[in-house]
């Protein structure tokens, strides 16, 4: 396959390097700045299990330099998605598949959820501009259960997990999902084809919804958040609201917040992605992780007072630290 990675950071670099290492695909990258320079100089670089893997890559900063692809994997932060969607047109041929590997509620979630109606989710796709550029028919959804970090531009270090859950946004199984599953499996990922990818996305979001913003505001690792009974109680209340919203839109969760906390606790004293972004002074993915849940709750008539409070507090934190845009004047 002709594969292009858009956003060759931790997850994009991880997936790109492993696909390229099979030798079965031509894996290019759309990148910029120091990452682009490093990719052109060294190729794909992935440190996994103490070993450094390298593979050739064609890297460019403009989509027209790479041409049409069979598969485009988008692994950027949610705040960058609108700009990416507007720029990748030259990568998209008549049969090109786009697989976003991103945190939070993706832009395709609204069109794939009948209970939300025809209007786009403003928190993740204002005006429906992303969906116009990348129609849902092109999309295969992806939920990433893996952790990696960028040690230096262009060098990715795998930390844990190789899980990828993929599926058609509107449900069911398809030949193209199975073909992609086989390619990812061959590259070393533990890949599952899901007949209901929305539920998989909502379940991952359910845990990130509270851990990410609370850790960003407090600077605390996940274990310390769970060790504080007052904070844990607040988090559980917000998770219960998100579970009620999920049940209303066909994404029921069959665990209690305490069940999910037990899973999180096994990961130890880790820093969430939003805390890492806050520490690095990068924009936080607040809208995709928290704002979208509040918007969906409002749209389907489920009150979310704790989620609303979490959104307001984190938004204020983000604005005060230059990590989230100020309201329009």
Protein backbone atom coordinates (compact mmCIF):
# COMPACT_ATOMS: atom_id res chain seq x y z
CA UNK A 1 0.00 0.00 0.00
CA UNK A 2 0.90 3.64 -0.41
CA UNK A 3 0.60 4.92 3.17
CA UNK A 4 1.06 8.47 4.41
CA UNK A 5 1.41 9.37 8.08
CA UNK A 6 0.12 12.86 8.83
CA UNK A 7 1.62 13.86 12.16
CA UNK A 8 4.78 11.84 12.72
CA UNK A 9 4.88 12.31 16.48
CA UNK A 10 4.69 9.57 19.11
CA UNK A 11 1.76 7.53 17.79
CA UNK A 12 2.15 8.50 14.14
CA UNK A 13 5.85 7.70 14.24
CA UNK A 14 5.18 4.41 16.02
CA UNK A 15 2.67 3.24 13.43
CA UNK A 16 4.66 4.58 10.49
CA UNK A 17 7.93 2.97 11.53
CA UNK A 18 6.38 -0.43 12.12
CA UNK A 19 4.48 -0.41 8.81
CA UNK A 20 7.62 0.65 6.97
CA UNK A 21 9.70 -2.05 8.66
CA UNK A 22 7.61 -4.78 6.99
CA UNK A 23 8.89 -3.74 3.59
CA UNK A 24 5.42 -4.32 2.19
CA UNK A 25 4.36 -0.67 2.00
CA UNK A 26 5.66 2.67 0.80
CA UNK A 27 5.25 4.74 3.95
CA UNK A 28 5.65 8.49 3.59
CA UNK A 29 5.20 11.29 6.11
CA UNK A 30 3.68 14.75 6.05
CA UNK A 31 5.65 16.65 8.68
CA UNK A 32 7.27 19.98 9.40
CA UNK A 33 10.05 21.66 11.33
CA UNK A 34 12.57 19.59 13.25
CA UNK A 35 10.59 16.39 12.71
CA UNK A 36 10.72 16.83 8.93
CA UNK A 37 14.46 17.49 9.07
CA UNK A 38 15.06 14.40 11.22
CA UNK A 39 12.96 12.14 9.01
CA UNK A 40 14.79 13.27 5.90
CA UNK A 41 18.15 12.70 7.58
CA UNK A 42 17.53 9.43 9.41
CA UNK A 43 14.32 7.89 8.06
CA UNK A 44 11.83 6.30 10.43
CA UNK A 45 13.38 5.58 13.83
CA UNK A 46 11.70 3.54 16.56
CA UNK A 47 13.29 2.31 19.75
CA UNK A 48 11.39 -0.75 20.93
CA UNK A 49 12.51 -3.34 23.45
CA UNK A 50 15.96 -1.80 23.62
CA UNK A 51 16.53 -2.07 19.86
CA UNK A 52 16.58 0.74 17.33
CA UNK A 53 14.58 0.08 14.17
CA UNK A 54 15.06 2.26 11.10
CA UNK A 55 13.36 2.38 7.71
CA UNK A 56 13.34 4.67 4.71
CA UNK A 57 10.73 7.39 4.40
CA UNK A 58 9.76 10.02 1.86
CA UNK A 59 9.01 13.07 4.00
CA UNK A 60 7.50 16.35 2.83
CA UNK A 61 5.82 19.43 4.25
CA UNK A 62 3.24 19.73 1.48
CA UNK A 63 0.73 17.06 0.50
CA UNK A 64 1.14 17.73 -3.23
CA UNK A 65 4.75 16.53 -2.99
CA UNK A 66 3.55 13.07 -1.92
CA UNK A 67 0.55 12.52 -4.19
CA UNK A 68 -2.40 10.17 -3.88
CA UNK A 69 -2.29 7.45 -1.23
CA UNK A 70 -4.15 4.24 -0.50
CA UNK A 71 -4.19 4.93 3.24
CA UNK A 72 -3.75 8.19 5.16
CA UNK A 73 -3.21 7.81 8.91
CA UNK A 74 -3.85 11.07 10.75
CA UNK A 75 -2.14 11.24 14.14
CA UNK A 76 -2.25 14.91 15.09
CA UNK A 77 -3.65 16.59 18.18
CA UNK A 78 -7.33 17.46 17.90
CA UNK A 79 -6.79 21.27 17.78
CA UNK A 80 -4.76 20.81 14.58
CA UNK A 81 -7.33 18.64 12.78
CA UNK A 82 -9.22 21.39 10.96
CA UNK A 83 -6.02 22.73 9.39
CA UNK A 84 -4.90 19.21 8.46
CA UNK A 85 -8.23 18.42 6.81
CA UNK A 86 -7.96 21.56 4.69
CA UNK A 87 -4.43 20.67 3.54
CA UNK A 88 -4.44 16.95 2.67
CA UNK A 89 -6.63 17.01 -0.43
CA UNK A 90 -3.73 16.03 -2.76
CA UNK A 91 -3.30 12.80 -0.76
CA UNK A 92 -6.87 11.69 -1.40
CA UNK A 93 -7.67 9.63 -4.47
CA UNK A 94 -11.06 8.13 -5.30
CA UNK A 95 -10.53 5.10 -3.01
CA UNK A 96 -8.20 6.55 -0.36
CA UNK A 97 -8.98 5.49 3.21
CA UNK A 98 -8.40 7.95 6.07
CA UNK A 99 -7.74 6.45 9.49
CA UNK A 100 -7.54 8.99 12.33
CA UNK A 101 -5.52 7.76 15.32
CA UNK A 102 -6.42 10.49 17.78
CA UNK A 103 -7.64 11.11 21.31
CA UNK A 104 -11.19 12.02 22.30
CA UNK A 105 -14.34 12.29 20.23
CA UNK A 106 -13.38 12.36 16.52
CA UNK A 107 -15.14 14.45 13.89
CA UNK A 108 -16.72 11.36 12.35
CA UNK A 109 -18.52 10.46 15.59
CA UNK A 110 -21.40 12.89 15.04
CA UNK A 111 -22.32 11.75 11.51
CA UNK A 112 -22.06 8.12 12.67
CA UNK A 113 -24.49 8.62 15.57
CA UNK A 114 -28.16 8.93 14.54
CA UNK A 115 -29.21 10.17 17.99
CA UNK A 116 -27.17 13.35 17.44
CA UNK A 117 -29.01 14.45 14.32
CA UNK A 118 -27.52 15.96 11.20
CA UNK A 119 -25.69 18.92 12.73
CA UNK A 120 -21.93 18.56 13.28
CA UNK A 121 -20.46 18.58 16.76
CA UNK A 122 -19.28 22.16 17.06
CA UNK A 123 -16.66 21.30 19.66
CA UNK A 124 -14.74 19.02 17.28
CA UNK A 125 -15.90 20.09 13.80
CA UNK A 126 -17.13 23.68 13.80
CA UNK A 127 -19.38 24.23 10.81
CA UNK A 128 -18.77 20.68 9.60
CA UNK A 129 -15.64 21.78 7.71
CA UNK A 130 -13.63 18.63 8.53
CA UNK A 131 -16.45 16.35 7.39
CA UNK A 132 -16.67 18.27 4.12
CA UNK A 133 -12.96 17.73 3.46
CA UNK A 134 -12.91 14.13 4.71
CA UNK A 135 -16.38 12.57 4.30
CA UNK A 136 -17.30 9.76 6.64
CA UNK A 137 -17.34 7.34 3.69
CA UNK A 138 -13.55 7.61 3.53
CA UNK A 139 -13.02 6.94 7.21
CA UNK A 140 -12.05 3.84 9.14
CA UNK A 141 -12.18 4.60 12.85
CA UNK A 142 -9.26 3.69 15.09
CA UNK A 143 -8.84 3.53 18.86
CA UNK A 144 -5.21 3.33 19.99
CA UNK A 145 -4.28 1.34 23.09
CA UNK A 146 -0.55 2.01 23.09
CA UNK A 147 1.88 4.42 24.68
CA UNK A 148 4.92 5.99 23.04
CA UNK A 149 6.94 9.16 23.39
CA UNK A 150 9.18 11.32 21.25
CA UNK A 151 12.70 11.23 22.70
CA UNK A 152 13.89 13.77 20.12
CA UNK A 153 12.46 14.91 16.80
CA UNK A 154 11.92 11.87 14.59
CA UNK A 155 12.89 9.32 17.27
CA UNK A 156 9.97 7.46 18.88
CA UNK A 157 10.32 5.29 21.97
CA UNK A 158 7.64 2.63 22.50
CA UNK A 159 6.53 2.40 26.13
CA UNK A 160 3.70 -0.11 26.35
CA UNK A 161 0.84 -1.66 24.42
CA UNK A 162 0.38 -2.42 20.73
CA UNK A 163 -3.42 -2.48 20.61
CA UNK A 164 -5.39 -0.99 17.72
CA UNK A 165 -9.17 -1.26 17.48
CA UNK A 166 -10.46 -0.40 14.00
CA UNK A 167 -13.88 -0.37 12.36
CA UNK A 168 -16.40 1.29 10.09
CA UNK A 169 -17.78 4.46 11.76
CA UNK A 170 -21.37 3.49 10.99
CA UNK A 171 -20.90 -0.07 12.24
CA UNK A 172 -20.72 -3.53 10.77
CA UNK A 173 -17.81 -5.36 9.17
CA UNK A 174 -16.25 -4.76 5.77
CA UNK A 175 -13.60 -6.13 3.46
CA UNK A 176 -11.53 -2.96 3.68
CA UNK A 177 -11.43 -3.13 7.47
CA UNK A 178 -10.27 -6.75 7.32
CA UNK A 179 -7.60 -5.86 4.75
CA UNK A 180 -6.31 -3.07 6.96
CA UNK A 181 -6.48 -5.26 10.05
CA UNK A 182 -4.27 -7.86 8.34
CA UNK A 183 -1.72 -5.22 7.29
CA UNK A 184 -1.50 -3.79 10.80
CA UNK A 185 -1.29 -7.26 12.32
CA UNK A 186 1.59 -8.10 10.00
CA UNK A 187 3.36 -4.96 11.24
CA UNK A 188 3.20 -6.24 14.81
CA UNK A 189 0.09 -4.54 16.16
CA UNK A 190 -2.52 -6.38 18.18
CA UNK A 191 -5.34 -5.34 15.88
CA UNK A 192 -9.04 -6.04 16.40
CA UNK A 193 -11.75 -5.34 13.83
CA UNK A 194 -14.81 -4.00 15.64
CA UNK A 195 -18.38 -4.03 14.41
CA UNK A 196 -19.08 -1.05 16.72
CA UNK A 197 -16.05 1.23 16.78
CA UNK A 198 -18.07 4.05 18.38
CA UNK A 199 -18.38 2.05 21.60
CA UNK A 200 -14.65 1.43 21.63
CA UNK A 201 -13.97 5.12 21.16
CA UNK A 202 -16.42 6.10 23.90
CA UNK A 203 -14.98 3.57 26.35
CA UNK A 204 -11.44 4.92 25.95
CA UNK A 205 -12.78 8.46 26.24
CA UNK A 206 -14.59 7.51 29.45
CA UNK A 207 -11.30 7.11 31.29
CA UNK A 208 -9.51 10.02 29.62
CA UNK A 209 -12.41 12.38 30.30
CA UNK A 210 -11.41 12.98 33.92
CA UNK A 211 -7.79 11.86 34.25
CA UNK A 212 -6.51 14.13 31.49
CA UNK A 213 -7.94 17.48 32.61
CA UNK A 214 -7.55 16.87 36.35
CA UNK A 215 -3.91 15.91 35.88
CA UNK A 216 -3.27 18.94 33.64
CA UNK A 217 -4.71 21.36 36.21
CA UNK A 218 -3.06 19.80 39.26
CA UNK A 219 0.18 18.45 37.81
CA UNK A 220 -0.59 15.14 39.55
CA UNK A 221 0.05 11.69 38.16
CA UNK A 222 -2.88 9.28 37.89
CA UNK A 223 -2.08 7.41 41.10
CA UNK A 224 -2.21 10.60 43.17
CA UNK A 225 -5.55 11.57 41.64
CA UNK A 226 -7.02 8.21 42.58
CA UNK A 227 -5.50 8.37 46.07
CA UNK A 228 -7.40 11.55 46.95
CA UNK A 229 -10.94 10.54 48.04
CA UNK A 230 -12.54 13.91 47.28
CA UNK A 231 -11.01 14.16 43.82
CA UNK A 232 -11.82 10.51 43.09
CA UNK A 233 -15.44 11.08 44.11
CA UNK A 234 -15.71 14.06 41.76
CA UNK A 235 -14.14 12.07 38.94
CA UNK A 236 -16.54 9.18 39.52
CA UNK A 237 -19.52 11.52 39.38
CA UNK A 238 -18.35 12.93 36.03
CA UNK A 239 -17.76 9.42 34.71
CA UNK A 240 -21.27 8.39 35.76
CA UNK A 241 -22.65 11.30 33.72
CA UNK A 242 -20.59 10.27 30.69
CA UNK A 243 -21.83 6.70 31.06
CA UNK A 244 -25.43 7.95 31.03
CA UNK A 245 -24.74 9.96 27.88
CA UNK A 246 -23.13 6.92 26.30
CA UNK A 247 -26.16 4.77 27.06
CA UNK A 248 -28.41 7.33 25.37
CA UNK A 249 -26.37 7.30 22.12
CA UNK A 250 -25.84 3.54 21.86
CA UNK A 251 -22.42 3.40 23.54
CA UNK A 252 -23.31 1.74 26.83
CA UNK A 253 -20.52 1.10 29.33
CA UNK A 254 -20.78 -2.05 31.39
CA UNK A 255 -18.34 -1.07 34.13
CA UNK A 256 -18.58 1.17 37.16
CA UNK A 257 -16.19 4.11 37.60
CA UNK A 258 -14.43 2.14 40.34
CA UNK A 259 -13.94 -0.77 37.92
CA UNK A 260 -12.24 1.56 35.45
CA UNK A 261 -10.20 3.18 38.22
CA UNK A 262 -8.85 -0.25 39.12
CA UNK A 263 -7.60 -0.66 35.55
CA UNK A 264 -6.05 2.81 35.59
CA UNK A 265 -4.34 2.16 38.93
CA UNK A 266 -2.48 -0.81 37.43
CA UNK A 267 -0.68 1.63 35.10
CA UNK A 268 1.00 3.26 38.10
CA UNK A 269 2.27 6.83 38.40
CA UNK A 270 1.89 7.89 34.78
CA UNK A 271 1.46 11.33 33.30
CA UNK A 272 -1.54 11.71 31.02
CA UNK A 273 -1.13 13.11 27.52
CA UNK A 274 -2.83 16.35 28.55
CA UNK A 275 -0.47 16.81 31.48
CA UNK A 276 2.47 16.25 29.15
CA UNK A 277 1.05 18.83 26.75
CA UNK A 278 0.51 21.33 29.57
CA UNK A 279 4.06 20.88 30.84
CA UNK A 280 5.41 21.35 27.31
CA UNK A 281 3.24 24.48 26.81
CA UNK A 282 1.37 22.82 23.92
CA UNK A 283 -2.36 23.40 23.27
CA UNK A 284 -4.52 20.98 25.25
CA UNK A 285 -7.12 18.71 23.61
CA UNK A 286 -9.90 19.91 25.86
CA UNK A 287 -12.70 20.17 23.31
CA UNK A 288 -12.30 16.64 21.96
CA UNK A 289 -11.96 15.03 25.39
CA UNK A 290 -14.35 17.03 27.59
CA UNK A 291 -16.19 19.66 25.56
CA UNK A 292 -17.64 17.16 23.11
CA UNK A 293 -19.09 15.05 25.93
CA UNK A 294 -20.80 18.10 27.41
CA UNK A 295 -22.14 19.05 23.97
CA UNK A 296 -23.45 15.55 23.29
CA UNK A 297 -25.09 15.43 26.72
CA UNK A 298 -26.86 18.71 26.05
CA UNK A 299 -28.00 17.53 22.63
CA UNK A 300 -29.56 14.30 23.94
CA UNK A 301 -30.99 15.79 27.14
CA UNK A 302 -28.66 14.27 29.74
CA UNK A 303 -27.56 16.75 32.47
CA UNK A 304 -23.78 16.85 32.97
CA UNK A 305 -23.14 19.31 35.84
CA UNK A 306 -19.86 17.70 36.94
CA UNK A 307 -18.54 17.46 33.39
CA UNK A 308 -19.57 21.09 32.84
CA UNK A 309 -17.64 22.11 35.97
CA UNK A 310 -14.61 20.14 34.82
CA UNK A 311 -14.82 21.78 31.39
CA UNK A 312 -15.10 25.28 32.84
CA UNK A 313 -12.23 24.86 35.27
CA UNK A 314 -9.89 23.30 32.72
CA UNK A 315 -10.83 25.87 30.09
CA UNK A 316 -9.98 28.67 32.53
CA UNK A 317 -6.71 26.95 33.42
CA UNK A 318 -5.88 26.59 29.74
CA UNK A 319 -6.63 30.22 28.93
CA UNK A 320 -4.68 31.49 31.92
CA UNK A 321 -1.63 29.50 30.77
CA UNK A 322 -1.93 30.12 27.03
CA UNK A 323 -2.93 26.53 26.30
CA UNK A 324 -6.51 27.14 25.10
CA UNK A 325 -7.87 29.97 22.95
CA UNK A 326 -9.61 32.93 24.50
CA UNK A 327 -13.26 33.48 23.56
CA UNK A 328 -13.84 35.67 20.47
CA UNK A 329 -14.27 39.32 21.28
